[in-house]
Amino acid sequence: MDFELVAEGLKFPEGPVAMADGSIILVEIERKTLTRVTPDGETSIVADLGGGPNGAAIGPDGAVYICNNGGAFQFFEQNGLNIPGPTPPTHDGGLIQRVNLATGKVETLYTECEGRRLVGPNDLVFDKHGGFWFTDHGCSTADGRKFGGLYYALADGSKIVRVRDHIISPNGVGLSPDEKVAYAADTNLGRLWAWDIEQPGVVTETGFAPGRVICNLPGYQLLDSLAVEAGGKVCVATIINGGITAFDPDGSTEHFPVPDVIVTNICFGGADMRDAWITASGTGKLYKCRWPRPGLKLNFNA
């Protein structure tokens, strides 16, 4: 696979979104910004978000919705890579934000659910109804981890529900093409979870298990954020074994190497939805390539 370097010098890029004008909107977690990258690689700051913006998606109103982990990582350099490290002791939780693209205005939608503070919101995806599923990754502590969960919320700030709790480290989230299945990648387990959706914000009970296991990757591989193909495969950014792992719903996988051990996300766009943009966050780069199959067109764009 051939990769075109679109931009570099980014401060741990994540959450790429292919925009209608050909640009890419993404977050820079360490820089704490929402950033636009033009096709020729020029970058500009759309909004200063604070905390640790971790995921982005366009909502039904054309605004950008942000999962902000609240500054859940301390960054350090090792062997030329920018690496997210432990959660600082000052971290007190994360939030969901909305950014008006026309004005750059940032507003906070959610900081808690059912009386409990959100820990580290990570990634989100909008369904056809205009609500969004999102993951809370949790965070590290001196004594272990605060677990995360799967959530559903409305874009107007009026409702948020915790769909599944006590998941070790949920990260990327996506929906099947028919929106009957929600997927979440578990970073520390190297596992792709699935839930059958009964209605927006409600999934089928799975007994003792948090969800259905699609696949556990062998050895030590960490999973990050994801995008879904039009045919239903789930493309998950993979760390250590740097690249994108495409999971078929039947559990089989295919790996596409990327020149960075800390690959964090992928998005699809272009006329045939085969243009793919990949965030190589350890080296602070954004790559573009031609994917072998078309990606799933998201419900909203701007």
Protein backbone atom coordinates (compact mmCIF):
# COMPACT_ATOMS: atom_id res chain seq x y z
CA MET A 1 0.00 0.00 0.00
CA ASP A 2 1.38 3.43 -0.95
CA PHE A 3 1.14 6.26 1.57
CA GLU A 4 1.11 9.97 0.79
CA LEU A 5 2.34 12.20 3.61
CA VAL A 6 -0.28 14.95 3.93
CA ALA A 7 0.90 16.76 7.07
CA GLU A 8 3.49 16.44 9.81
CA GLY A 9 4.45 18.24 13.00
CA LEU A 10 1.05 17.45 14.54
CA LYS A 11 0.84 17.02 18.31
CA PHE A 12 -0.64 13.53 18.60
CA PRO A 13 -3.38 13.76 15.93
CA GLU A 14 -6.61 11.77 16.31
CA GLY A 15 -10.27 11.84 15.27
CA PRO A 16 -9.88 12.58 11.52
CA VAL A 17 -13.02 13.54 9.57
CA ALA A 18 -13.04 13.87 5.76
CA MET A 19 -14.88 17.11 5.03
CA ALA A 20 -16.97 17.99 1.98
CA ASP A 21 -14.41 20.56 0.78
CA GLY A 22 -11.60 17.98 0.69
CA SER A 23 -9.95 19.09 3.92
CA ILE A 24 -9.52 16.95 7.03
CA ILE A 25 -10.69 18.05 10.45
CA LEU A 26 -8.86 16.36 13.32
CA VAL A 27 -7.96 16.87 16.95
CA GLU A 28 -4.47 17.24 18.32
CA ILE A 29 -4.58 15.75 21.79
CA GLU A 30 -1.36 17.26 23.11
CA ARG A 31 -1.94 20.67 21.47
CA LYS A 32 -5.55 20.62 22.75
CA THR A 33 -7.00 21.88 19.49
CA LEU A 34 -9.43 21.14 16.70
CA THR A 35 -7.32 21.52 13.57
CA ARG A 36 -8.06 21.69 9.84
CA VAL A 37 -5.62 20.18 7.33
CA THR A 38 -6.01 21.23 3.69
CA PRO A 39 -5.25 18.82 0.82
CA ASP A 40 -1.85 20.49 0.33
CA GLY A 41 -0.93 19.97 3.99
CA GLU A 42 -1.53 23.45 5.39
CA THR A 43 -2.85 23.42 8.96
CA SER A 44 -4.95 25.94 10.85
CA ILE A 45 -6.51 25.95 14.31
CA VAL A 46 -10.31 25.86 14.26
CA ALA A 47 -10.76 25.96 18.03
CA ASP A 48 -8.82 25.67 21.28
CA LEU A 49 -10.51 22.94 23.27
CA GLY A 50 -8.44 22.51 26.42
CA GLY A 51 -8.16 19.21 28.24
CA GLY A 52 -7.40 16.38 25.82
CA PRO A 53 -9.59 16.28 22.70
CA ASN A 54 -9.61 12.64 21.65
CA GLY A 55 -12.33 12.12 19.00
CA ALA A 56 -14.43 14.19 16.59
CA ALA A 57 -17.55 13.74 14.47
CA ILE A 58 -19.92 15.95 12.49
CA GLY A 59 -23.42 16.14 13.94
CA PRO A 60 -26.80 16.72 12.30
CA ASP A 61 -26.45 20.50 12.76
CA GLY A 62 -23.10 20.65 10.94
CA ALA A 63 -21.18 21.29 14.16
CA VAL A 64 -18.21 19.20 15.27
CA TYR A 65 -18.77 17.13 18.39
CA ILE A 66 -15.74 16.31 20.51
CA CYS A 67 -14.91 13.58 22.99
CA ASN A 68 -12.49 15.29 25.38
CA ASN A 69 -10.64 13.11 27.89
CA GLY A 70 -9.96 16.10 30.12
CA GLY A 71 -6.18 15.78 29.88
CA ALA A 72 -5.92 12.10 30.76
CA PHE A 73 -2.41 11.64 29.34
CA GLN A 74 1.04 12.99 30.14
CA PHE A 75 3.11 12.95 26.96
CA PHE A 76 6.80 12.04 26.77
CA GLU A 77 9.30 11.34 24.01
CA GLN A 78 11.02 8.00 23.61
CA ASN A 79 13.11 6.83 20.65
CA GLY A 80 11.78 9.71 18.56
CA LEU A 81 8.13 8.91 19.28
CA ASN A 82 5.57 11.03 21.12
CA ILE A 83 3.97 8.67 23.62
CA PRO A 84 0.88 9.18 25.81
CA GLY A 85 1.75 8.21 29.36
CA PRO A 86 0.05 8.02 32.75
CA THR A 87 -2.85 10.19 33.79
CA PRO A 88 -1.68 13.25 35.78
CA PRO A 89 -2.93 13.53 39.36
CA THR A 90 -4.68 16.81 38.46
CA HIS A 91 -7.08 15.03 36.08
CA ASP A 92 -10.67 15.23 37.32
CA GLY A 93 -12.68 13.90 34.38
CA GLY A 94 -13.63 14.52 30.77
CA LEU A 95 -16.48 16.01 28.75
CA ILE A 96 -18.40 16.16 25.48
CA GLN A 97 -18.08 19.43 23.54
CA ARG A 98 -19.70 21.03 20.48
CA VAL A 99 -17.77 23.34 18.15
CA ASN A 100 -19.45 25.77 15.75
CA LEU A 101 -17.30 25.59 12.61
CA ALA A 102 -18.37 29.03 11.41
CA THR A 103 -17.43 30.88 14.59
CA GLY A 104 -15.08 28.52 16.46
CA LYS A 105 -17.32 28.81 19.53
CA VAL A 106 -16.92 25.87 21.92
CA GLU A 107 -19.63 24.76 24.33
CA THR A 108 -19.82 21.91 26.82
CA LEU A 109 -22.69 19.44 26.38
CA TYR A 110 -22.01 16.78 29.00
CA THR A 111 -19.66 16.29 31.95
CA GLU A 112 -21.53 13.52 33.77
CA CYS A 113 -24.07 10.73 33.37
CA GLU A 114 -26.58 9.73 36.02
CA GLY A 115 -24.69 11.68 38.66
CA ARG A 116 -21.27 10.22 37.83
CA ARG A 117 -18.49 12.25 36.22
CA LEU A 118 -17.34 11.15 32.79
CA VAL A 119 -13.78 9.88 33.12
CA GLY A 120 -12.15 10.03 29.69
CA PRO A 121 -14.51 10.28 26.67
CA ASN A 122 -12.63 8.93 23.67
CA ASP A 123 -14.53 8.38 20.40
CA LEU A 124 -18.03 8.91 18.98
CA VAL A 125 -20.26 8.09 16.02
CA PHE A 126 -23.65 9.52 15.02
CA ASP A 127 -26.55 7.27 14.04
CA LYS A 128 -29.17 8.13 11.42
CA HIS A 129 -31.47 9.47 14.16
CA GLY A 130 -28.98 12.20 15.05
CA GLY A 131 -27.92 10.79 18.41
CA PHE A 132 -24.40 9.55 19.07
CA TRP A 133 -22.74 6.53 20.62
CA PHE A 134 -19.50 7.24 22.45
CA THR A 135 -16.90 5.47 24.50
CA ASP A 136 -15.39 6.50 27.80
CA HIS A 137 -11.87 5.04 27.87
CA GLY A 138 -11.46 5.43 31.62
CA CYS A 139 -7.97 6.39 32.79
CA SER A 140 -4.96 5.15 34.71
CA THR A 141 -4.47 5.80 38.42
CA ALA A 142 -1.63 5.14 40.83
CA ASP A 143 -3.54 2.06 42.00
CA GLY A 144 -4.71 0.67 38.65
CA ARG A 145 -7.44 1.75 36.21
CA LYS A 146 -10.76 3.48 36.32
CA PHE A 147 -12.79 1.39 33.88
CA GLY A 148 -14.75 2.93 31.05
CA GLY A 149 -18.04 2.28 29.28
CA LEU A 150 -20.28 2.66 26.25
CA TYR A 151 -22.72 5.60 26.18
CA TYR A 152 -25.46 7.11 24.05
CA ALA A 153 -26.41 10.78 24.00
CA LEU A 154 -28.53 13.30 22.12
CA ALA A 155 -26.88 16.16 20.25
CA ASP A 156 -28.94 18.87 21.93
CA GLY A 157 -27.57 18.07 25.39
CA SER A 158 -30.90 16.78 26.71
CA LYS A 159 -30.15 13.10 27.33
CA ILE A 160 -27.21 10.83 28.11
CA VAL A 161 -27.36 7.15 29.10
CA ARG A 162 -24.73 4.64 30.16
CA VAL A 163 -25.33 1.62 27.91
CA ARG A 164 -22.57 -0.64 29.25
CA ASP A 165 -20.36 -0.10 32.28
CA HIS A 166 -17.09 -1.53 33.62
CA ILE A 167 -15.36 -2.14 30.29
CA ILE A 168 -11.59 -2.12 30.76
CA SER A 169 -10.50 0.37 28.09
CA PRO A 170 -13.07 1.02 25.35
CA ASN A 171 -11.68 3.21 22.59
CA GLY A 172 -12.90 3.35 18.96
CA VAL A 173 -16.64 3.06 18.34
CA GLY A 174 -18.64 2.45 15.17
CA LEU A 175 -21.92 1.19 13.74
CA SER A 176 -22.60 -1.56 11.22
CA PRO A 177 -23.92 -0.33 7.84
CA ASP A 178 -27.50 -1.29 8.82
CA GLU A 179 -27.00 0.27 12.30
CA LYS A 180 -28.09 -2.95 13.98
CA VAL A 181 -24.72 -3.49 15.67
CA ALA A 182 -22.47 -1.20 17.71
CA TYR A 183 -18.76 -1.96 17.85
CA ALA A 184 -16.10 -0.84 20.31
CA ALA A 185 -12.39 -1.60 20.34
CA ASP A 186 -10.86 -2.38 23.74
CA THR A 187 -7.32 -1.00 23.81
CA ASN A 188 -5.70 -3.05 26.54
CA LEU A 189 -7.39 -6.34 25.63
CA GLY A 190 -6.72 -6.06 21.88
CA ARG A 191 -10.38 -7.04 21.51
CA LEU A 192 -13.26 -5.91 19.30
CA TRP A 193 -16.60 -5.95 21.13
CA ALA A 194 -20.06 -5.94 19.51
CA TRP A 195 -23.59 -5.27 20.77
CA ASP A 196 -26.91 -5.86 18.98
CA ILE A 197 -28.91 -2.62 19.00
CA GLU A 198 -32.59 -2.82 19.96
CA GLN A 199 -33.21 0.94 19.67
CA PRO A 200 -31.11 4.08 20.02
CA GLY A 201 -29.20 3.79 23.28
CA VAL A 202 -30.46 0.27 24.06
CA VAL A 203 -28.62 -2.98 23.32
CA THR A 204 -29.55 -6.65 23.79
CA GLU A 205 -28.53 -8.18 27.10
CA THR A 206 -25.45 -10.40 26.87
CA GLY A 207 -25.49 -12.18 30.22
CA PHE A 208 -22.23 -12.13 32.17
CA ALA A 209 -20.17 -10.84 29.25
CA PRO A 210 -19.97 -7.08 28.56
CA GLY A 211 -20.75 -7.83 24.91
CA ARG A 212 -20.10 -10.22 22.02
CA VAL A 213 -16.46 -10.86 21.25
CA ILE A 214 -15.68 -10.49 17.55
CA CYS A 215 -11.97 -11.24 17.91
CA ASN A 216 -9.00 -10.98 20.28
CA LEU A 217 -5.74 -10.14 18.54
CA PRO A 218 -2.82 -12.46 19.42
CA GLY A 219 0.21 -11.35 21.37
CA TYR A 220 0.61 -7.78 22.57
CA GLN A 221 -1.34 -5.49 20.26
CA LEU A 222 -3.30 -2.44 21.40
CA LEU A 223 -6.42 -1.18 19.65
CA ASP A 224 -7.33 2.45 19.18
CA SER A 225 -10.04 4.19 17.13
CA LEU A 226 -11.87 2.85 14.09
CA ALA A 227 -13.95 3.32 10.96
CA VAL A 228 -16.32 0.91 9.25
CA GLU A 229 -16.23 -0.18 5.62
CA ALA A 230 -19.35 -0.09 3.41
CA GLY A 231 -19.25 -3.89 3.34
CA GLY A 232 -19.24 -4.17 7.14
CA LYS A 233 -15.58 -4.79 8.02
CA VAL A 234 -14.37 -2.78 11.02
CA CYS A 235 -11.01 -1.08 10.45
CA VAL A 236 -9.24 -0.52 13.78
CA ALA A 237 -6.04 1.44 14.27
CA THR A 238 -3.49 -0.86 15.88
CA ILE A 239 -0.60 0.10 18.17
CA ILE A 240 2.69 -1.82 18.59
CA ASN A 241 1.86 -3.81 15.45
CA GLY A 242 1.49 -0.40 13.84
CA GLY A 243 -1.20 -0.22 11.18
CA ILE A 244 -4.87 -0.85 10.54
CA THR A 245 -6.48 -4.20 11.35
CA ALA A 246 -9.67 -4.92 9.38
CA PHE A 247 -11.99 -7.16 11.40
CA ASP A 248 -14.68 -9.10 9.55
CA PRO A 249 -17.83 -9.66 11.65
CA ASP A 250 -17.03 -13.41 11.37
CA GLY A 251 -13.85 -12.82 13.41
CA SER A 252 -11.26 -13.06 10.64
CA THR A 253 -8.74 -10.21 10.31
CA GLU A 254 -6.45 -8.57 7.78
CA HIS A 255 -3.58 -6.25 8.75
CA PHE A 256 -2.30 -3.25 6.78
CA PRO A 257 1.06 -1.94 8.09
CA VAL A 258 1.57 1.82 8.48
CA PRO A 259 5.01 3.45 9.10
CA ASP A 260 4.41 4.26 12.79
CA VAL A 261 4.01 1.97 15.78
CA ILE A 262 1.37 4.29 17.28
CA VAL A 263 -1.40 4.40 14.67
CA THR A 264 -4.56 5.83 16.20
CA ASN A 265 -7.35 6.31 13.64
CA ILE A 266 -8.63 6.09 10.07
CA CYS A 267 -11.40 7.84 8.16
CA PHE A 268 -12.80 7.42 4.66
CA GLY A 269 -13.82 9.89 1.98
CA GLY A 270 -13.51 10.84 -1.67
CA ALA A 271 -15.93 10.28 -4.54
CA ASP A 272 -15.75 6.48 -4.25
CA MET A 273 -15.13 6.42 -0.45
CA ARG A 274 -11.81 4.63 -1.03
CA ASP A 275 -9.61 7.52 0.00
CA ALA A 276 -8.37 6.79 3.52
CA TRP A 277 -6.64 9.18 5.93
CA ILE A 278 -4.66 7.65 8.79
CA THR A 279 -3.30 9.38 11.90
CA ALA A 280 0.23 8.21 12.71
CA SER A 281 0.35 9.81 16.12
CA GLY A 282 3.72 8.67 17.44
CA THR A 283 5.43 10.61 14.64
CA GLY A 284 2.77 13.34 14.42
CA LYS A 285 1.82 12.65 10.82
CA LEU A 286 -1.30 12.39 8.70
CA TYR A 287 -1.15 9.96 5.77
CA LYS A 288 -3.46 9.38 2.83
CA CYS A 289 -3.80 6.15 0.87
CA ARG A 290 -6.16 4.27 -1.41
CA TRP A 291 -8.07 1.64 0.55
CA PRO A 292 -8.86 -1.68 -1.19
CA ARG A 293 -12.57 -1.34 -0.43
CA PRO A 294 -14.94 1.63 0.05
CA GLY A 295 -15.58 3.00 3.49
CA LEU A 296 -19.01 3.55 4.94
CA LYS A 297 -20.37 7.05 4.33
CA LEU A 298 -21.18 8.71 7.63
CA ASN A 299 -24.64 10.09 8.31
CA PHE A 300 -23.58 13.74 8.54
CA ASN A 301 -20.92 15.99 7.05
CA ALA A 302 -20.16 19.67 6.59
